[in-house]
């Protein structure tokens, strides 16, 4: 049986006002045991799922308590740039 220490984090910036933001950081650290690569992958997915669930709950609570909108970022892949590879450039709008 093998063991792996897993540490993951999600960080999200919330715009609370003009020129003001707050970072929401949720981190998880666990030790998983596994006997095969498939089992390791499965256990890693479980850790990621717990992290994501904790993050969503924390993010929603912070946004609710601060009275700010829960803003989801979007990706605009159709931006115009001065170079020929505009489809490869990503513009994140919050």
N, C-alpha and C. Protein backbone atom coordinates (compact mmCIF):
# COMPACT_ATOMS: atom_id res chain seq x y z
N UNK A 1 0.85 -1.18 0.00
CA UNK A 1 0.00 0.00 0.00
C UNK A 1 0.90 1.24 0.00
N UNK A 2 0.61 2.17 -0.89
CA UNK A 2 1.35 3.42 -0.98
C UNK A 2 0.54 4.55 -0.37
N UNK A 3 1.25 5.58 0.05
CA UNK A 3 0.60 6.76 0.61
C UNK A 3 1.08 7.99 -0.14
N UNK A 4 0.19 8.95 -0.27
CA UNK A 4 0.51 10.23 -0.90
C UNK A 4 -0.13 11.35 -0.10
N UNK A 5 0.64 12.37 0.17
CA UNK A 5 0.09 13.56 0.82
C UNK A 5 -0.38 14.50 -0.28
N UNK A 6 -1.65 14.89 -0.22
CA UNK A 6 -2.27 15.73 -1.24
C UNK A 6 -2.58 17.10 -0.63
N UNK A 7 -2.13 18.14 -1.29
CA UNK A 7 -2.45 19.50 -0.86
C UNK A 7 -2.93 20.27 -2.07
N UNK A 8 -4.15 20.80 -1.98
CA UNK A 8 -4.76 21.55 -3.08
C UNK A 8 -5.38 22.82 -2.52
N UNK A 9 -5.51 23.83 -3.38
CA UNK A 9 -6.14 25.08 -2.97
C UNK A 9 -6.87 25.70 -4.15
N UNK A 10 -7.89 26.46 -3.83
CA UNK A 10 -8.60 27.28 -4.81
C UNK A 10 -8.58 28.70 -4.27
N UNK A 11 -8.22 29.63 -5.13
CA UNK A 11 -8.19 31.04 -4.76
C UNK A 11 -9.05 31.81 -5.75
N UNK A 12 -9.92 32.66 -5.23
CA UNK A 12 -10.80 33.45 -6.09
C UNK A 12 -10.87 34.87 -5.55
N UNK A 13 -10.78 35.83 -6.42
CA UNK A 13 -10.85 37.24 -6.04
C UNK A 13 -12.28 37.74 -6.24
N UNK A 14 -12.85 38.36 -5.21
CA UNK A 14 -14.17 38.96 -5.28
C UNK A 14 -14.00 40.47 -5.32
N UNK A 15 -14.59 41.10 -6.32
CA UNK A 15 -14.58 42.57 -6.37
C UNK A 15 -15.67 43.06 -5.43
N UNK A 16 -15.28 43.77 -4.39
CA UNK A 16 -16.24 44.23 -3.40
C UNK A 16 -16.67 45.69 -3.63
N UNK A 17 -15.83 46.46 -4.32
CA UNK A 17 -16.12 47.86 -4.60
C UNK A 17 -15.10 48.33 -5.63
N UNK A 18 -15.24 49.56 -6.11
CA UNK A 18 -14.23 50.09 -7.02
C UNK A 18 -12.88 50.10 -6.31
N UNK A 19 -11.89 49.55 -6.97
CA UNK A 19 -10.52 49.51 -6.45
C UNK A 19 -10.41 48.72 -5.14
N UNK A 20 -11.33 47.80 -4.92
CA UNK A 20 -11.31 47.01 -3.69
C UNK A 20 -11.69 45.57 -4.02
N UNK A 21 -10.93 44.64 -3.50
CA UNK A 21 -11.25 43.23 -3.72
C UNK A 21 -10.85 42.42 -2.49
N UNK A 22 -11.35 41.20 -2.48
CA UNK A 22 -11.09 40.28 -1.37
C UNK A 22 -10.75 38.92 -1.97
N UNK A 23 -9.68 38.30 -1.48
CA UNK A 23 -9.33 36.96 -1.93
C UNK A 23 -9.99 35.93 -1.02
N UNK A 24 -10.68 34.98 -1.62
CA UNK A 24 -11.25 33.86 -0.89
C UNK A 24 -10.35 32.66 -1.19
N UNK A 25 -9.78 32.09 -0.14
CA UNK A 25 -8.84 30.98 -0.30
C UNK A 25 -9.32 29.79 0.53
N UNK A 26 -9.48 28.67 -0.12
CA UNK A 26 -9.84 27.43 0.57
C UNK A 26 -8.77 26.40 0.20
N UNK A 27 -8.26 25.76 1.23
CA UNK A 27 -7.16 24.82 1.05
C UNK A 27 -7.50 23.52 1.76
N UNK A 28 -7.04 22.43 1.20
CA UNK A 28 -7.26 21.13 1.81
C UNK A 28 -5.94 20.35 1.75
N UNK A 29 -5.66 19.61 2.81
CA UNK A 29 -4.48 18.76 2.85
C UNK A 29 -4.88 17.43 3.47
N UNK A 30 -4.64 16.36 2.74
CA UNK A 30 -5.01 15.03 3.20
C UNK A 30 -3.94 14.03 2.79
N UNK A 31 -3.95 12.89 3.46
CA UNK A 31 -3.08 11.79 3.07
C UNK A 31 -3.98 10.69 2.53
N UNK A 32 -3.67 10.22 1.34
CA UNK A 32 -4.46 9.15 0.74
C UNK A 32 -3.61 7.88 0.67
N UNK A 33 -4.29 6.75 0.73
CA UNK A 33 -3.64 5.44 0.57
C UNK A 33 -4.18 4.80 -0.69
N UNK A 34 -3.30 4.15 -1.43
CA UNK A 34 -3.72 3.54 -2.69
C UNK A 34 -2.84 2.35 -3.03
N UNK A 35 -3.41 1.45 -3.85
CA UNK A 35 -2.67 0.25 -4.26
C UNK A 35 -2.40 0.22 -5.76
N UNK A 36 -3.11 1.03 -6.53
CA UNK A 36 -2.92 1.07 -7.98
C UNK A 36 -3.06 2.52 -8.45
N UNK A 37 -2.61 2.78 -9.64
CA UNK A 37 -2.74 4.13 -10.19
C UNK A 37 -4.21 4.53 -10.35
N UNK A 38 -5.05 3.57 -10.68
CA UNK A 38 -6.48 3.85 -10.81
C UNK A 38 -7.08 4.27 -9.46
N UNK A 39 -6.68 3.56 -8.40
CA UNK A 39 -7.17 3.88 -7.06
C UNK A 39 -6.64 5.25 -6.62
N UNK A 40 -5.38 5.53 -6.93
CA UNK A 40 -4.78 6.83 -6.60
C UNK A 40 -5.55 7.95 -7.29
N UNK A 41 -5.83 7.76 -8.57
CA UNK A 41 -6.58 8.76 -9.34
C UNK A 41 -7.98 8.97 -8.75
N UNK A 42 -8.62 7.88 -8.38
CA UNK A 42 -9.96 7.96 -7.78
C UNK A 42 -9.92 8.72 -6.45
N UNK A 43 -8.94 8.42 -5.62
CA UNK A 43 -8.82 9.10 -4.32
C UNK A 43 -8.50 10.59 -4.51
N UNK A 44 -7.68 10.91 -5.51
CA UNK A 44 -7.36 12.31 -5.79
C UNK A 44 -8.62 13.07 -6.22
N UNK A 45 -9.46 12.43 -7.03
CA UNK A 45 -10.71 13.05 -7.46
C UNK A 45 -11.63 13.31 -6.27
N UNK A 46 -11.64 12.39 -5.31
CA UNK A 46 -12.46 12.59 -4.11
C UNK A 46 -11.97 13.79 -3.31
N UNK A 47 -10.65 13.94 -3.18
CA UNK A 47 -10.09 15.10 -2.47
C UNK A 47 -10.48 16.38 -3.21
N UNK A 48 -10.34 16.39 -4.52
CA UNK A 48 -10.71 17.56 -5.32
C UNK A 48 -12.19 17.89 -5.18
N UNK A 49 -13.02 16.86 -5.14
CA UNK A 49 -14.46 17.08 -4.97
C UNK A 49 -14.78 17.72 -3.63
N UNK A 50 -14.12 17.26 -2.57
CA UNK A 50 -14.34 17.86 -1.25
C UNK A 50 -13.87 19.32 -1.23
N UNK A 51 -12.72 19.57 -1.85
CA UNK A 51 -12.20 20.93 -1.92
C UNK A 51 -13.18 21.84 -2.66
N UNK A 52 -13.67 21.39 -3.79
CA UNK A 52 -14.61 22.20 -4.57
C UNK A 52 -15.89 22.47 -3.81
N UNK A 53 -16.42 21.47 -3.14
CA UNK A 53 -17.64 21.65 -2.35
C UNK A 53 -17.41 22.65 -1.21
N UNK A 54 -16.27 22.52 -0.52
CA UNK A 54 -15.94 23.46 0.55
C UNK A 54 -15.77 24.87 0.00
N UNK A 55 -15.13 24.98 -1.16
CA UNK A 55 -14.92 26.30 -1.74
C UNK A 55 -16.24 26.98 -2.10
N UNK A 56 -17.12 26.25 -2.77
CA UNK A 56 -18.41 26.82 -3.17
C UNK A 56 -19.19 27.30 -1.94
N UNK A 57 -19.23 26.48 -0.89
CA UNK A 57 -19.94 26.86 0.33
C UNK A 57 -19.30 28.10 0.97
N UNK A 58 -17.98 28.12 1.04
CA UNK A 58 -17.28 29.27 1.63
C UNK A 58 -17.48 30.52 0.80
N UNK A 59 -17.32 30.40 -0.51
CA UNK A 59 -17.48 31.55 -1.42
C UNK A 59 -18.89 32.13 -1.32
N UNK A 60 -19.90 31.26 -1.34
CA UNK A 60 -21.28 31.73 -1.23
C UNK A 60 -21.52 32.44 0.10
N UNK A 61 -20.99 31.90 1.19
CA UNK A 61 -21.18 32.50 2.51
C UNK A 61 -20.48 33.85 2.61
N UNK A 62 -19.27 33.94 2.10
CA UNK A 62 -18.54 35.22 2.12
C UNK A 62 -19.30 36.26 1.30
N UNK A 63 -19.72 35.90 0.10
CA UNK A 63 -20.46 36.85 -0.75
C UNK A 63 -21.76 37.28 -0.07
N UNK A 64 -22.47 36.34 0.55
CA UNK A 64 -23.73 36.67 1.23
C UNK A 64 -23.48 37.63 2.39
N UNK A 65 -22.49 37.32 3.22
CA UNK A 65 -22.22 38.16 4.40
C UNK A 65 -21.74 39.55 4.03
N UNK A 66 -21.00 39.65 2.92
CA UNK A 66 -20.50 40.96 2.49
C UNK A 66 -21.54 41.73 1.67
N UNK A 67 -22.57 41.04 1.24
CA UNK A 67 -23.60 41.69 0.45
C UNK A 67 -23.14 42.02 -0.96
N UNK A 68 -22.23 41.20 -1.50
CA UNK A 68 -21.77 41.41 -2.87
C UNK A 68 -22.33 40.31 -3.75
N UNK A 69 -22.42 40.60 -5.05
CA UNK A 69 -22.90 39.60 -6.00
C UNK A 69 -21.91 38.47 -6.12
N UNK A 70 -22.42 37.28 -6.26
CA UNK A 70 -21.57 36.12 -6.52
C UNK A 70 -21.30 36.13 -8.01
N UNK A 71 -20.15 36.63 -8.39
CA UNK A 71 -19.81 36.86 -9.78
C UNK A 71 -19.01 35.68 -10.33
N UNK A 72 -19.43 35.18 -11.46
CA UNK A 72 -18.71 34.10 -12.13
C UNK A 72 -17.96 34.71 -13.31
N UNK A 73 -16.69 34.40 -13.43
CA UNK A 73 -15.88 34.91 -14.53
C UNK A 73 -16.26 34.22 -15.83
N UNK A 74 -16.16 34.95 -16.92
CA UNK A 74 -16.41 34.39 -18.24
C UNK A 74 -15.16 34.53 -19.08
N UNK A 75 -15.04 33.70 -20.06
CA UNK A 75 -13.89 33.74 -20.95
C UNK A 75 -14.36 34.17 -22.32
N UNK A 76 -13.78 35.24 -22.86
CA UNK A 76 -14.11 35.73 -24.20
C UNK A 76 -13.01 35.26 -25.14
N UNK A 77 -13.29 34.28 -25.98
CA UNK A 77 -12.28 33.75 -26.89
C UNK A 77 -12.32 34.46 -28.24
N UNK A 78 -13.18 35.46 -28.39
CA UNK A 78 -13.30 36.18 -29.66
C UNK A 78 -12.74 37.59 -29.58
N UNK A 79 -11.73 37.81 -28.77
CA UNK A 79 -11.17 39.15 -28.64
C UNK A 79 -10.30 39.47 -29.84
N UNK A 80 -10.16 40.75 -30.13
CA UNK A 80 -9.33 41.22 -31.24
C UNK A 80 -7.99 41.67 -30.68
N UNK A 81 -6.92 41.18 -31.26
CA UNK A 81 -5.58 41.59 -30.86
C UNK A 81 -4.80 42.01 -32.09
N UNK A 82 -3.61 42.55 -31.87
CA UNK A 82 -2.77 42.99 -32.97
C UNK A 82 -1.98 41.85 -33.60
N UNK A 83 -2.01 40.67 -32.99
CA UNK A 83 -1.26 39.57 -33.58
C UNK A 83 -2.19 38.60 -34.28
N UNK A 84 -1.63 37.65 -34.98
CA UNK A 84 -2.41 36.72 -35.80
C UNK A 84 -3.06 35.61 -34.99
N UNK A 85 -2.66 35.42 -33.75
CA UNK A 85 -3.16 34.28 -32.97
C UNK A 85 -4.21 34.70 -31.94
N UNK A 86 -5.18 35.49 -32.35
CA UNK A 86 -6.17 36.02 -31.40
C UNK A 86 -7.03 34.93 -30.79
N UNK A 87 -7.20 33.81 -31.45
CA UNK A 87 -8.01 32.73 -30.87
C UNK A 87 -7.33 32.07 -29.69
N UNK A 88 -6.01 32.23 -29.57
CA UNK A 88 -5.28 31.62 -28.46
C UNK A 88 -5.21 32.52 -27.24
N UNK A 89 -5.60 33.78 -27.38
CA UNK A 89 -5.56 34.72 -26.28
C UNK A 89 -6.89 34.70 -25.54
N UNK A 90 -6.82 34.70 -24.24
CA UNK A 90 -8.04 34.65 -23.43
C UNK A 90 -8.18 35.94 -22.65
N UNK A 91 -9.38 36.47 -22.60
CA UNK A 91 -9.69 37.67 -21.85
C UNK A 91 -10.71 37.30 -20.80
N UNK A 92 -10.35 37.46 -19.53
CA UNK A 92 -11.25 37.09 -18.44
C UNK A 92 -12.01 38.31 -17.98
N UNK A 93 -13.33 38.26 -18.04
CA UNK A 93 -14.19 39.35 -17.56
C UNK A 93 -14.89 38.89 -16.31
N UNK A 94 -14.83 39.69 -15.26
CA UNK A 94 -15.54 39.35 -14.04
C UNK A 94 -16.71 40.27 -13.86
